[in-house]
């Protein structure tokens, strides 16, 4: 979230704006959301929103992430295979709900809206990749994985196929698919005795 625009945020007002942005996103989709509609639903002025966010894309993405964070917990089971399996399964489930269809809409809109594409990358994709990196770093510290592991490549190998099915083929994404995907990727990873 932006933190250097205008005066410090009132937590109650911020929460109202983020909730309004999320509700509108779920109700009418990104294309139909406007800052005016967010302000009206949150009972604030447009100027208040623009003090804290540079554009519609930023406030909508922050609203989406604020609501979605609880649905995508970062597991810490003590074993990397179980952590990744839970994380990927949670993400796949999330993508199959209304939030997932909204993410697909945002990806599509981002092809012609550079502000939205940037907000999506910085506010959604990069934090998710960092969560994944943190899980793998824990596994390296526990001695489960080699320090030489290419974490960025592993992230692409695990999550790329899920987005490919969502965006391109339309093939089903269920728990069996996620388990097979994670298992096959882990078979090719440099590890220290992963089963």
N, C-alpha and C. Protein backbone atom coordinates (compact mmCIF):
# COMPACT_ATOMS: atom_id res chain seq x y z
N UNK A 1 0.82 -1.18 0.00
CA UNK A 1 0.00 0.00 0.00
C UNK A 1 0.87 1.24 0.00
N UNK A 2 0.38 2.29 -0.63
CA UNK A 2 1.09 3.56 -0.61
C UNK A 2 1.01 4.12 0.80
N UNK A 3 2.09 4.70 1.30
CA UNK A 3 2.06 5.26 2.65
C UNK A 3 2.56 6.69 2.69
N UNK A 4 3.01 7.24 1.60
CA UNK A 4 3.62 8.57 1.64
C UNK A 4 2.73 9.64 1.02
N UNK A 5 1.49 9.32 0.66
CA UNK A 5 0.59 10.29 0.05
C UNK A 5 -0.26 10.92 1.14
N UNK A 6 -0.19 12.25 1.31
CA UNK A 6 -1.06 12.96 2.24
C UNK A 6 -0.79 12.62 3.69
N UNK A 7 -1.77 12.95 4.51
CA UNK A 7 -1.60 12.74 5.95
C UNK A 7 -1.81 11.26 6.29
N UNK A 8 -1.43 10.86 7.53
CA UNK A 8 -1.61 9.46 7.92
C UNK A 8 -3.08 9.05 7.81
N UNK A 9 -3.30 7.79 7.51
CA UNK A 9 -4.66 7.30 7.30
C UNK A 9 -5.39 7.07 8.62
N UNK A 10 -6.68 7.41 8.62
CA UNK A 10 -7.58 7.04 9.69
C UNK A 10 -7.95 5.59 9.44
N UNK A 11 -7.70 4.72 10.40
CA UNK A 11 -7.88 3.28 10.20
C UNK A 11 -9.32 2.93 9.84
N UNK A 12 -10.27 3.56 10.49
CA UNK A 12 -11.69 3.29 10.22
C UNK A 12 -12.06 3.71 8.80
N UNK A 13 -11.60 4.90 8.39
CA UNK A 13 -11.89 5.38 7.05
C UNK A 13 -11.21 4.50 6.01
N UNK A 14 -9.97 4.13 6.27
CA UNK A 14 -9.25 3.25 5.34
C UNK A 14 -9.99 1.92 5.18
N UNK A 15 -10.41 1.35 6.30
CA UNK A 15 -11.12 0.08 6.26
C UNK A 15 -12.42 0.20 5.46
N UNK A 16 -13.11 1.31 5.63
CA UNK A 16 -14.36 1.55 4.91
C UNK A 16 -14.10 1.63 3.40
N UNK A 17 -13.03 2.31 3.01
CA UNK A 17 -12.68 2.45 1.59
C UNK A 17 -12.30 1.10 1.00
N UNK A 18 -11.46 0.35 1.72
CA UNK A 18 -11.03 -0.95 1.21
C UNK A 18 -12.21 -1.92 1.09
N UNK A 19 -13.10 -1.90 2.07
CA UNK A 19 -14.29 -2.76 2.01
C UNK A 19 -15.17 -2.38 0.84
N UNK A 20 -15.36 -1.06 0.64
CA UNK A 20 -16.19 -0.60 -0.47
C UNK A 20 -15.58 -1.01 -1.81
N UNK A 21 -14.27 -0.86 -1.93
CA UNK A 21 -13.59 -1.24 -3.18
C UNK A 21 -13.75 -2.73 -3.45
N UNK A 22 -13.59 -3.54 -2.42
CA UNK A 22 -13.71 -4.99 -2.57
C UNK A 22 -15.14 -5.39 -2.92
N UNK A 23 -16.10 -4.84 -2.22
CA UNK A 23 -17.50 -5.18 -2.48
C UNK A 23 -17.90 -4.82 -3.92
N UNK A 24 -17.50 -3.64 -4.36
CA UNK A 24 -17.81 -3.23 -5.73
C UNK A 24 -17.13 -4.14 -6.74
N UNK A 25 -15.89 -4.49 -6.47
CA UNK A 25 -15.15 -5.38 -7.36
C UNK A 25 -15.89 -6.71 -7.49
N UNK A 26 -16.34 -7.27 -6.37
CA UNK A 26 -17.06 -8.53 -6.40
C UNK A 26 -18.42 -8.39 -7.09
N UNK A 27 -19.09 -7.25 -6.86
CA UNK A 27 -20.44 -7.05 -7.39
C UNK A 27 -20.47 -6.75 -8.89
N UNK A 28 -19.57 -5.86 -9.34
CA UNK A 28 -19.70 -5.36 -10.72
C UNK A 28 -18.45 -5.56 -11.57
N UNK A 29 -17.35 -6.02 -10.99
CA UNK A 29 -16.14 -6.25 -11.76
C UNK A 29 -15.29 -5.00 -11.88
N UNK A 30 -14.01 -5.20 -12.17
CA UNK A 30 -13.05 -4.09 -12.17
C UNK A 30 -13.42 -2.99 -13.16
N UNK A 31 -13.83 -3.37 -14.36
CA UNK A 31 -14.11 -2.38 -15.39
C UNK A 31 -15.18 -1.38 -15.01
N UNK A 32 -16.16 -1.81 -14.23
CA UNK A 32 -17.28 -0.93 -13.86
C UNK A 32 -17.03 -0.16 -12.57
N UNK A 33 -16.00 -0.53 -11.82
CA UNK A 33 -15.70 0.20 -10.59
C UNK A 33 -15.09 1.55 -10.93
N UNK A 34 -15.52 2.58 -10.21
CA UNK A 34 -14.90 3.91 -10.35
C UNK A 34 -14.55 4.42 -8.95
N UNK A 35 -13.67 5.39 -8.89
CA UNK A 35 -13.34 6.01 -7.61
C UNK A 35 -14.58 6.69 -7.04
N UNK A 36 -15.41 7.26 -7.90
CA UNK A 36 -16.66 7.88 -7.44
C UNK A 36 -17.55 6.86 -6.73
N UNK A 37 -17.69 5.67 -7.32
CA UNK A 37 -18.53 4.64 -6.71
C UNK A 37 -17.95 4.17 -5.39
N UNK A 38 -16.62 4.03 -5.33
CA UNK A 38 -15.99 3.63 -4.07
C UNK A 38 -16.24 4.69 -3.01
N UNK A 39 -16.04 5.96 -3.36
CA UNK A 39 -16.25 7.06 -2.41
C UNK A 39 -17.69 7.10 -1.92
N UNK A 40 -18.62 6.91 -2.84
CA UNK A 40 -20.04 6.94 -2.47
C UNK A 40 -20.37 5.81 -1.49
N UNK A 41 -19.89 4.60 -1.79
CA UNK A 41 -20.20 3.47 -0.92
C UNK A 41 -19.50 3.61 0.43
N UNK A 42 -18.28 4.13 0.43
CA UNK A 42 -17.53 4.29 1.68
C UNK A 42 -17.93 5.53 2.46
N UNK A 43 -18.75 6.39 1.83
CA UNK A 43 -19.18 7.65 2.45
C UNK A 43 -18.00 8.56 2.76
N UNK A 44 -17.10 8.68 1.77
CA UNK A 44 -15.97 9.60 1.85
C UNK A 44 -15.90 10.39 0.55
N UNK A 45 -15.04 11.37 0.50
CA UNK A 45 -14.86 12.13 -0.73
C UNK A 45 -13.83 11.43 -1.63
N UNK A 46 -13.92 11.71 -2.92
CA UNK A 46 -12.90 11.19 -3.84
C UNK A 46 -11.53 11.70 -3.44
N UNK A 47 -11.48 12.94 -2.96
CA UNK A 47 -10.19 13.52 -2.56
C UNK A 47 -9.53 12.70 -1.46
N UNK A 48 -10.33 12.16 -0.54
CA UNK A 48 -9.78 11.32 0.53
C UNK A 48 -9.10 10.09 -0.06
N UNK A 49 -9.76 9.47 -1.04
CA UNK A 49 -9.17 8.28 -1.67
C UNK A 49 -7.88 8.65 -2.38
N UNK A 50 -7.90 9.75 -3.13
CA UNK A 50 -6.70 10.14 -3.88
C UNK A 50 -5.56 10.63 -2.98
N UNK A 51 -5.86 10.97 -1.74
CA UNK A 51 -4.78 11.32 -0.81
C UNK A 51 -3.93 10.09 -0.49
N UNK A 52 -4.59 8.92 -0.50
CA UNK A 52 -3.93 7.71 -0.04
C UNK A 52 -3.57 6.72 -1.14
N UNK A 53 -4.22 6.82 -2.29
CA UNK A 53 -3.94 5.93 -3.41
C UNK A 53 -3.79 6.75 -4.69
N UNK A 54 -2.86 6.36 -5.56
CA UNK A 54 -2.60 7.15 -6.77
C UNK A 54 -3.67 6.99 -7.85
N UNK A 55 -4.42 5.88 -7.83
CA UNK A 55 -5.39 5.64 -8.89
C UNK A 55 -6.36 4.54 -8.47
N UNK A 56 -7.36 4.32 -9.30
CA UNK A 56 -8.37 3.29 -9.03
C UNK A 56 -7.73 1.92 -8.88
N UNK A 57 -6.81 1.59 -9.75
CA UNK A 57 -6.20 0.26 -9.73
C UNK A 57 -5.57 -0.04 -8.37
N UNK A 58 -4.88 0.94 -7.81
CA UNK A 58 -4.19 0.73 -6.53
C UNK A 58 -5.17 0.49 -5.40
N UNK A 59 -6.22 1.30 -5.31
CA UNK A 59 -7.17 1.12 -4.20
C UNK A 59 -7.97 -0.16 -4.37
N UNK A 60 -8.31 -0.51 -5.61
CA UNK A 60 -9.06 -1.75 -5.83
C UNK A 60 -8.20 -2.96 -5.49
N UNK A 61 -6.94 -2.95 -5.91
CA UNK A 61 -6.06 -4.08 -5.58
C UNK A 61 -5.84 -4.19 -4.07
N UNK A 62 -5.68 -3.05 -3.39
CA UNK A 62 -5.51 -3.10 -1.94
C UNK A 62 -6.78 -3.61 -1.26
N UNK A 63 -7.94 -3.22 -1.77
CA UNK A 63 -9.20 -3.72 -1.23
C UNK A 63 -9.31 -5.22 -1.42
N UNK A 64 -8.95 -5.67 -2.60
CA UNK A 64 -9.00 -7.10 -2.92
C UNK A 64 -8.05 -7.87 -2.01
N UNK A 65 -6.83 -7.39 -1.86
CA UNK A 65 -5.83 -8.10 -1.06
C UNK A 65 -6.17 -8.08 0.42
N UNK A 66 -6.73 -6.97 0.87
CA UNK A 66 -7.12 -6.88 2.27
C UNK A 66 -8.14 -7.95 2.61
N UNK A 67 -9.11 -8.16 1.73
CA UNK A 67 -10.15 -9.16 1.97
C UNK A 67 -9.63 -10.58 1.71
N UNK A 68 -8.73 -10.73 0.74
CA UNK A 68 -8.28 -12.06 0.33
C UNK A 68 -7.19 -12.64 1.23
N UNK A 69 -6.49 -11.80 1.98
CA UNK A 69 -5.34 -12.27 2.75
C UNK A 69 -5.70 -13.42 3.69
N UNK A 70 -6.86 -13.34 4.32
CA UNK A 70 -7.26 -14.39 5.27
C UNK A 70 -7.54 -15.71 4.56
N UNK A 71 -7.87 -15.64 3.26
CA UNK A 71 -8.20 -16.86 2.52
C UNK A 71 -6.96 -17.56 1.97
N UNK A 72 -5.81 -16.90 2.05
CA UNK A 72 -4.58 -17.49 1.53
C UNK A 72 -3.51 -17.51 2.61
N UNK A 73 -3.72 -18.28 3.66
CA UNK A 73 -2.73 -18.34 4.73
C UNK A 73 -1.44 -18.99 4.25
N UNK A 74 -0.34 -18.61 4.88
CA UNK A 74 0.95 -19.19 4.54
C UNK A 74 1.24 -20.30 5.54
N UNK A 75 1.22 -21.56 5.07
CA UNK A 75 1.40 -22.68 6.01
C UNK A 75 2.84 -22.79 6.51
N UNK A 76 2.97 -23.34 7.70
CA UNK A 76 4.28 -23.66 8.26
C UNK A 76 4.12 -24.96 9.04
N UNK A 77 4.07 -26.07 8.29
CA UNK A 77 3.80 -27.38 8.88
C UNK A 77 5.04 -28.06 9.44
N UNK A 78 6.21 -27.54 9.07
CA UNK A 78 7.46 -28.17 9.50
C UNK A 78 8.13 -28.97 8.41
N UNK A 79 7.41 -29.22 7.30
CA UNK A 79 8.02 -29.89 6.16
C UNK A 79 7.68 -29.13 4.88
N UNK A 80 8.67 -28.98 4.02
CA UNK A 80 8.49 -28.16 2.84
C UNK A 80 7.47 -28.74 1.88
N UNK A 81 7.47 -30.04 1.71
CA UNK A 81 6.53 -30.65 0.78
C UNK A 81 5.09 -30.38 1.20
N UNK A 82 4.80 -30.54 2.50
CA UNK A 82 3.45 -30.28 3.00
C UNK A 82 3.11 -28.79 2.92
N UNK A 83 4.08 -27.92 3.22
CA UNK A 83 3.86 -26.47 3.11
C UNK A 83 3.45 -26.08 1.68
N UNK A 84 4.23 -26.57 0.71
CA UNK A 84 3.96 -26.21 -0.68
C UNK A 84 2.65 -26.81 -1.15
N UNK A 85 2.39 -28.03 -0.77
CA UNK A 85 1.14 -28.68 -1.16
C UNK A 85 -0.07 -27.90 -0.62
N UNK A 86 -0.02 -27.51 0.64
CA UNK A 86 -1.12 -26.73 1.23
C UNK A 86 -1.25 -25.37 0.56
N UNK A 87 -0.11 -24.71 0.34
CA UNK A 87 -0.13 -23.38 -0.26
C UNK A 87 -0.71 -23.43 -1.67
N UNK A 88 -0.24 -24.38 -2.47
CA UNK A 88 -0.73 -24.49 -3.85
C UNK A 88 -2.19 -24.90 -3.90
N UNK A 89 -2.61 -25.78 -2.99
CA UNK A 89 -4.01 -26.21 -2.95
C UNK A 89 -4.91 -25.04 -2.55
N UNK A 90 -4.50 -24.27 -1.54
CA UNK A 90 -5.27 -23.10 -1.13
C UNK A 90 -5.40 -22.10 -2.27
N UNK A 91 -4.29 -21.89 -2.99
CA UNK A 91 -4.32 -20.94 -4.09
C UNK A 91 -5.25 -21.42 -5.20
N UNK A 92 -5.19 -22.71 -5.52
CA UNK A 92 -6.06 -23.27 -6.56
C UNK A 92 -7.52 -23.13 -6.16
N UNK A 93 -7.85 -23.44 -4.91
CA UNK A 93 -9.23 -23.27 -4.44
C UNK A 93 -9.67 -21.82 -4.56
N UNK A 94 -8.79 -20.91 -4.15
CA UNK A 94 -9.07 -19.48 -4.21
C UNK A 94 -9.35 -19.06 -5.65
N UNK A 95 -8.56 -19.56 -6.58
CA UNK A 95 -8.71 -19.18 -7.98
C UNK A 95 -10.02 -19.70 -8.59
N UNK A 96 -10.61 -20.73 -8.00
CA UNK A 96 -11.85 -21.29 -8.52
C UNK A 96 -13.09 -20.61 -7.94
N UNK A 97 -12.90 -19.72 -6.95
CA UNK A 97 -14.02 -18.97 -6.39
C UNK A 97 -14.18 -17.65 -7.14
N UNK A 98 -15.11 -16.85 -6.71
CA UNK A 98 -15.38 -15.55 -7.34
C UNK A 98 -14.11 -14.69 -7.38
N UNK A 99 -13.31 -14.76 -6.31
CA UNK A 99 -12.07 -13.97 -6.27
C UNK A 99 -11.15 -14.35 -7.43
N UNK A 100 -11.13 -15.64 -7.76
CA UNK A 100 -10.29 -16.08 -8.87
C UNK A 100 -10.76 -15.54 -10.19
N UNK A 101 -12.07 -15.50 -10.41
CA UNK A 101 -12.56 -14.94 -11.67
C UNK A 101 -12.25 -13.45 -11.76
N UNK A 102 -12.27 -12.78 -10.60
CA UNK A 102 -11.90 -11.37 -10.58
C UNK A 102 -10.42 -11.21 -10.93
N UNK A 103 -9.56 -12.10 -10.39
CA UNK A 103 -8.13 -12.03 -10.74
C UNK A 103 -7.92 -12.22 -12.23
N UNK A 104 -8.65 -13.15 -12.82
CA UNK A 104 -8.53 -13.36 -14.27
C UNK A 104 -8.97 -12.12 -15.02
N UNK A 105 -10.03 -11.48 -14.55
CA UNK A 105 -10.49 -10.24 -15.17
C UNK A 105 -9.41 -9.15 -15.06
N UNK A 106 -8.79 -9.07 -13.89
CA UNK A 106 -7.73 -8.07 -13.68
C UNK A 106 -6.55 -8.34 -14.61
N UNK A 107 -6.18 -9.62 -14.76
CA UNK A 107 -5.09 -9.94 -15.67
C UNK A 107 -5.45 -9.51 -17.10
N UNK A 108 -6.69 -9.80 -17.51
CA UNK A 108 -7.14 -9.40 -18.84
C UNK A 108 -7.14 -7.90 -19.02
N UNK A 109 -7.71 -7.18 -18.07
CA UNK A 109 -7.76 -5.71 -18.14
C UNK A 109 -6.35 -5.12 -18.11
N UNK A 110 -5.46 -5.80 -17.41
CA UNK A 110 -4.09 -5.31 -17.30
C UNK A 110 -3.34 -5.29 -18.63
N UNK A 111 -3.86 -6.02 -19.62
CA UNK A 111 -3.21 -6.02 -20.94
C UNK A 111 -3.37 -4.67 -21.64
N UNK A 112 -4.39 -3.90 -21.24
CA UNK A 112 -4.61 -2.58 -21.86
C UNK A 112 -4.55 -1.44 -20.85
N UNK A 113 -4.39 -1.77 -19.58
CA UNK A 113 -4.35 -0.76 -18.52
C UNK A 113 -3.04 -0.95 -17.75
N UNK A 114 -2.04 -0.14 -18.08
CA UNK A 114 -0.71 -0.33 -17.50
C UNK A 114 -0.70 -0.07 -15.99
N UNK A 115 -1.54 0.85 -15.51
CA UNK A 115 -1.59 1.12 -14.07
C UNK A 115 -2.11 -0.10 -13.33
N UNK A 116 -3.11 -0.75 -13.90
CA UNK A 116 -3.66 -1.96 -13.28
C UNK A 116 -2.64 -3.09 -13.33
N UNK A 117 -1.97 -3.26 -14.46
CA UNK A 117 -0.96 -4.31 -14.57
C UNK A 117 0.14 -4.12 -13.53
N UNK A 118 0.58 -2.87 -13.34
CA UNK A 118 1.61 -2.58 -12.34
C UNK A 118 1.09 -2.85 -10.93
N UNK A 119 -0.13 -2.42 -10.63
CA UNK A 119 -0.71 -2.66 -9.30
C UNK A 119 -0.84 -4.15 -9.04
N UNK A 120 -1.24 -4.91 -10.05
CA UNK A 120 -1.40 -6.36 -9.89
C UNK A 120 -0.05 -7.01 -9.60
N UNK A 121 0.98 -6.62 -10.37
CA UNK A 121 2.30 -7.21 -10.15
C UNK A 121 2.85 -6.87 -8.78
N UNK A 122 2.79 -5.58 -8.40
CA UNK A 122 3.44 -5.15 -7.16
C UNK A 122 2.63 -5.49 -5.92
N UNK A 123 1.30 -5.48 -6.03
CA UNK A 123 0.47 -5.67 -4.85
C UNK A 123 -0.01 -7.11 -4.68
N UNK A 124 -0.04 -7.90 -5.76
CA UNK A 124 -0.51 -9.28 -5.64
C UNK A 124 0.60 -10.29 -5.96
N UNK A 125 1.16 -10.25 -7.16
CA UNK A 125 2.12 -11.27 -7.59
C UNK A 125 3.39 -11.25 -6.74
N UNK A 126 4.02 -10.09 -6.59
CA UNK A 126 5.28 -10.04 -5.85
C UNK A 126 5.14 -10.49 -4.39
N UNK A 127 4.08 -10.05 -3.67
CA UNK A 127 3.92 -10.57 -2.30
C UNK A 127 3.70 -12.08 -2.26
N UNK A 128 2.94 -12.63 -3.22
CA UNK A 128 2.74 -14.08 -3.24
C UNK A 128 4.06 -14.80 -3.50
N UNK A 129 4.87 -14.27 -4.40
CA UNK A 129 6.17 -14.89 -4.67
C UNK A 129 7.08 -14.80 -3.44
N UNK A 130 6.97 -13.69 -2.70
CA UNK A 130 7.78 -13.56 -1.49
C UNK A 130 7.35 -14.56 -0.43
N UNK A 131 6.04 -14.80 -0.31
CA UNK A 131 5.57 -15.83 0.62
C UNK A 131 6.17 -17.18 0.28
N UNK A 132 6.17 -17.49 -1.00
CA UNK A 132 6.72 -18.77 -1.45
C UNK A 132 8.21 -18.83 -1.15
N UNK A 133 8.92 -17.73 -1.42
CA UNK A 133 10.35 -17.67 -1.13
C UNK A 133 10.61 -17.91 0.36
N UNK A 134 9.77 -17.30 1.20
CA UNK A 134 9.94 -17.46 2.65
C UNK A 134 9.77 -18.93 3.07
N UNK A 135 8.79 -19.61 2.46
CA UNK A 135 8.60 -21.04 2.77
C UNK A 135 9.82 -21.85 2.39
N UNK A 136 10.36 -21.56 1.20
CA UNK A 136 11.53 -22.32 0.75
C UNK A 136 12.77 -21.97 1.55
N UNK A 137 12.90 -20.70 1.94
CA UNK A 137 14.03 -20.31 2.79
C UNK A 137 13.99 -21.07 4.12
N UNK A 138 12.79 -21.23 4.68
CA UNK A 138 12.67 -22.01 5.91
C UNK A 138 13.13 -23.45 5.69
N UNK A 139 12.77 -24.00 4.53
CA UNK A 139 13.16 -25.38 4.21
C UNK A 139 14.67 -25.50 4.06
N UNK A 140 15.31 -24.50 3.47
CA UNK A 140 16.77 -24.50 3.35
C UNK A 140 17.40 -24.44 4.75
N UNK A 141 16.85 -23.58 5.62
CA UNK A 141 17.38 -23.46 6.99
C UNK A 141 17.20 -24.77 7.77
N UNK A 142 16.12 -25.49 7.49
CA UNK A 142 15.89 -26.77 8.17
C UNK A 142 16.73 -27.89 7.56
N UNK A 143 17.40 -27.60 6.44
CA UNK A 143 18.23 -28.61 5.79
C UNK A 143 17.48 -29.52 4.84
N UNK A 144 16.23 -29.17 4.49
CA UNK A 144 15.45 -29.99 3.57
C UNK A 144 15.83 -29.75 2.10
N UNK A 145 16.26 -28.55 1.79
CA UNK A 145 16.58 -28.19 0.41
C UNK A 145 17.98 -27.64 0.31
N UNK A 146 18.57 -27.80 -0.87
CA UNK A 146 19.91 -27.26 -1.14
C UNK A 146 19.88 -25.74 -1.22
N UNK A 147 20.93 -25.10 -0.74
CA UNK A 147 21.02 -23.64 -0.80
C UNK A 147 21.09 -23.12 -2.22
N UNK A 148 21.53 -23.96 -3.15
CA UNK A 148 21.69 -23.54 -4.55
C UNK A 148 20.38 -23.53 -5.32
N UNK A 149 19.28 -23.87 -4.68
CA UNK A 149 17.98 -23.95 -5.34
C UNK A 149 17.60 -22.63 -6.00
N UNK A 150 17.14 -22.69 -7.25
CA UNK A 150 16.66 -21.52 -7.97
C UNK A 150 15.19 -21.32 -7.61
N UNK A 151 14.94 -20.47 -6.62
CA UNK A 151 13.59 -20.31 -6.08
C UNK A 151 12.65 -19.68 -7.10
N UNK A 152 13.13 -18.72 -7.88
CA UNK A 152 12.27 -18.09 -8.89
C UNK A 152 11.81 -19.11 -9.92
N UNK A 153 12.72 -19.97 -10.36
CA UNK A 153 12.36 -21.00 -11.33
C UNK A 153 11.37 -22.00 -10.72
N UNK A 154 11.61 -22.40 -9.48
CA UNK A 154 10.71 -23.34 -8.81
C UNK A 154 9.31 -22.74 -8.68
N UNK A 155 9.23 -21.45 -8.36
CA UNK A 155 7.93 -20.76 -8.27
C UNK A 155 7.20 -20.84 -9.60
N UNK A 156 7.91 -20.57 -10.68
CA UNK A 156 7.29 -20.63 -12.02
C UNK A 156 6.84 -22.05 -12.35
N UNK A 157 7.66 -23.04 -12.00
CA UNK A 157 7.33 -24.43 -12.30
C UNK A 157 6.07 -24.89 -11.56
N UNK A 158 5.90 -24.42 -10.34
CA UNK A 158 4.75 -24.85 -9.54
C UNK A 158 3.47 -24.08 -9.87
N UNK A 159 3.58 -22.77 -10.03
CA UNK A 159 2.38 -21.96 -10.17
C UNK A 159 2.04 -21.63 -11.61
N UNK A 160 3.02 -21.69 -12.50
CA UNK A 160 2.76 -21.43 -13.92
C UNK A 160 1.69 -22.35 -14.50
N UNK A 161 1.75 -23.67 -14.25
CA UNK A 161 0.74 -24.57 -14.81
C UNK A 161 -0.68 -24.28 -14.32
N UNK A 162 -0.81 -23.82 -13.08
CA UNK A 162 -2.14 -23.49 -12.56
C UNK A 162 -2.72 -22.31 -13.33
N UNK A 163 -1.91 -21.26 -13.50
CA UNK A 163 -2.39 -20.10 -14.26
C UNK A 163 -2.61 -20.46 -15.73
N UNK A 164 -1.79 -21.35 -16.27
CA UNK A 164 -1.96 -21.78 -17.66
C UNK A 164 -3.32 -22.44 -17.85
N UNK A 165 -3.69 -23.31 -16.93
CA UNK A 165 -5.01 -23.95 -17.03
C UNK A 165 -6.13 -22.92 -16.87
N UNK A 166 -5.95 -21.98 -15.95
CA UNK A 166 -6.98 -20.98 -15.73
C UNK A 166 -7.14 -20.05 -16.93
N UNK A 167 -6.03 -19.62 -17.49
CA UNK A 167 -6.06 -18.59 -18.53
C UNK A 167 -6.13 -19.12 -19.95
N UNK A 168 -5.63 -20.34 -20.18
CA UNK A 168 -5.48 -20.81 -21.56
C UNK A 168 -6.34 -22.04 -21.85
N UNK A 169 -6.09 -23.13 -21.15
CA UNK A 169 -6.75 -24.38 -21.55
C UNK A 169 -8.14 -24.56 -20.96
N UNK A 170 -8.37 -24.00 -19.78
CA UNK A 170 -9.65 -24.23 -19.11
C UNK A 170 -9.78 -25.61 -18.50
N UNK A 171 -8.71 -26.40 -18.52
CA UNK A 171 -8.74 -27.72 -17.92
C UNK A 171 -8.97 -27.60 -16.41
N UNK A 172 -9.54 -28.65 -15.80
CA UNK A 172 -9.87 -28.56 -14.37
C UNK A 172 -8.63 -28.44 -13.48
N UNK A 173 -8.85 -27.75 -12.37
CA UNK A 173 -7.83 -27.63 -11.34
C UNK A 173 -8.46 -28.14 -10.06
N UNK A 174 -8.06 -29.33 -9.65
CA UNK A 174 -8.59 -29.90 -8.42
C UNK A 174 -7.43 -30.34 -7.54
N UNK A 175 -7.76 -30.89 -6.38
CA UNK A 175 -6.71 -31.25 -5.43
C UNK A 175 -5.79 -32.34 -5.99
N UNK A 176 -6.35 -33.28 -6.76
CA UNK A 176 -5.51 -34.33 -7.36
C UNK A 176 -4.50 -33.73 -8.33
N UNK A 177 -4.96 -32.77 -9.15
CA UNK A 177 -4.05 -32.12 -10.10
C UNK A 177 -2.93 -31.41 -9.35
N UNK A 178 -3.29 -30.65 -8.31
CA UNK A 178 -2.28 -29.91 -7.56
C UNK A 178 -1.28 -30.87 -6.91
N UNK A 179 -1.78 -31.96 -6.35
CA UNK A 179 -0.89 -32.94 -5.71
C UNK A 179 0.07 -33.54 -6.73
N UNK A 180 -0.44 -33.91 -7.91
CA UNK A 180 0.43 -34.47 -8.95
C UNK A 180 1.47 -33.44 -9.39
N UNK A 181 1.04 -32.20 -9.56
CA UNK A 181 1.95 -31.14 -9.99
C UNK A 181 3.08 -30.94 -8.98
N UNK A 182 2.71 -30.79 -7.71
CA UNK A 182 3.72 -30.58 -6.67
C UNK A 182 4.65 -31.78 -6.58
N UNK A 183 4.12 -32.98 -6.63
CA UNK A 183 4.93 -34.19 -6.53
C UNK A 183 5.94 -34.27 -7.68
N UNK A 184 5.49 -34.03 -8.90
CA UNK A 184 6.39 -34.10 -10.07
C UNK A 184 7.47 -33.03 -10.01
N UNK A 185 7.10 -31.83 -9.60
CA UNK A 185 8.11 -30.76 -9.52
C UNK A 185 9.15 -31.10 -8.46
N UNK A 186 8.70 -31.62 -7.32
CA UNK A 186 9.63 -31.92 -6.25
C UNK A 186 10.57 -33.08 -6.58
N UNK A 187 10.12 -33.98 -7.44
CA UNK A 187 10.99 -35.08 -7.84
C UNK A 187 12.25 -34.59 -8.54
N UNK A 188 12.13 -33.47 -9.23
CA UNK A 188 13.28 -32.94 -9.98
C UNK A 188 14.08 -31.89 -9.22
N UNK A 189 13.73 -31.65 -7.97
CA UNK A 189 14.42 -30.60 -7.20
C UNK A 189 15.66 -31.13 -6.49
N UNK A 190 16.72 -30.29 -6.42
CA UNK A 190 17.86 -30.67 -5.60
C UNK A 190 17.44 -30.62 -4.14
N UNK A 191 17.47 -31.76 -3.46
CA UNK A 191 16.98 -31.80 -2.09
C UNK A 191 17.93 -32.63 -1.24
N UNK A 192 17.65 -32.60 0.05
CA UNK A 192 18.42 -33.40 1.00
C UNK A 192 17.48 -34.44 1.59
N UNK A 193 17.18 -35.45 0.81
CA UNK A 193 16.39 -36.55 1.32
C UNK A 193 14.90 -36.33 1.32
N UNK A 194 14.38 -35.46 0.43
CA UNK A 194 12.92 -35.31 0.35
C UNK A 194 12.29 -36.61 -0.14
N UNK A 195 11.21 -37.00 0.49
CA UNK A 195 10.51 -38.22 0.07
C UNK A 195 9.63 -37.91 -1.13
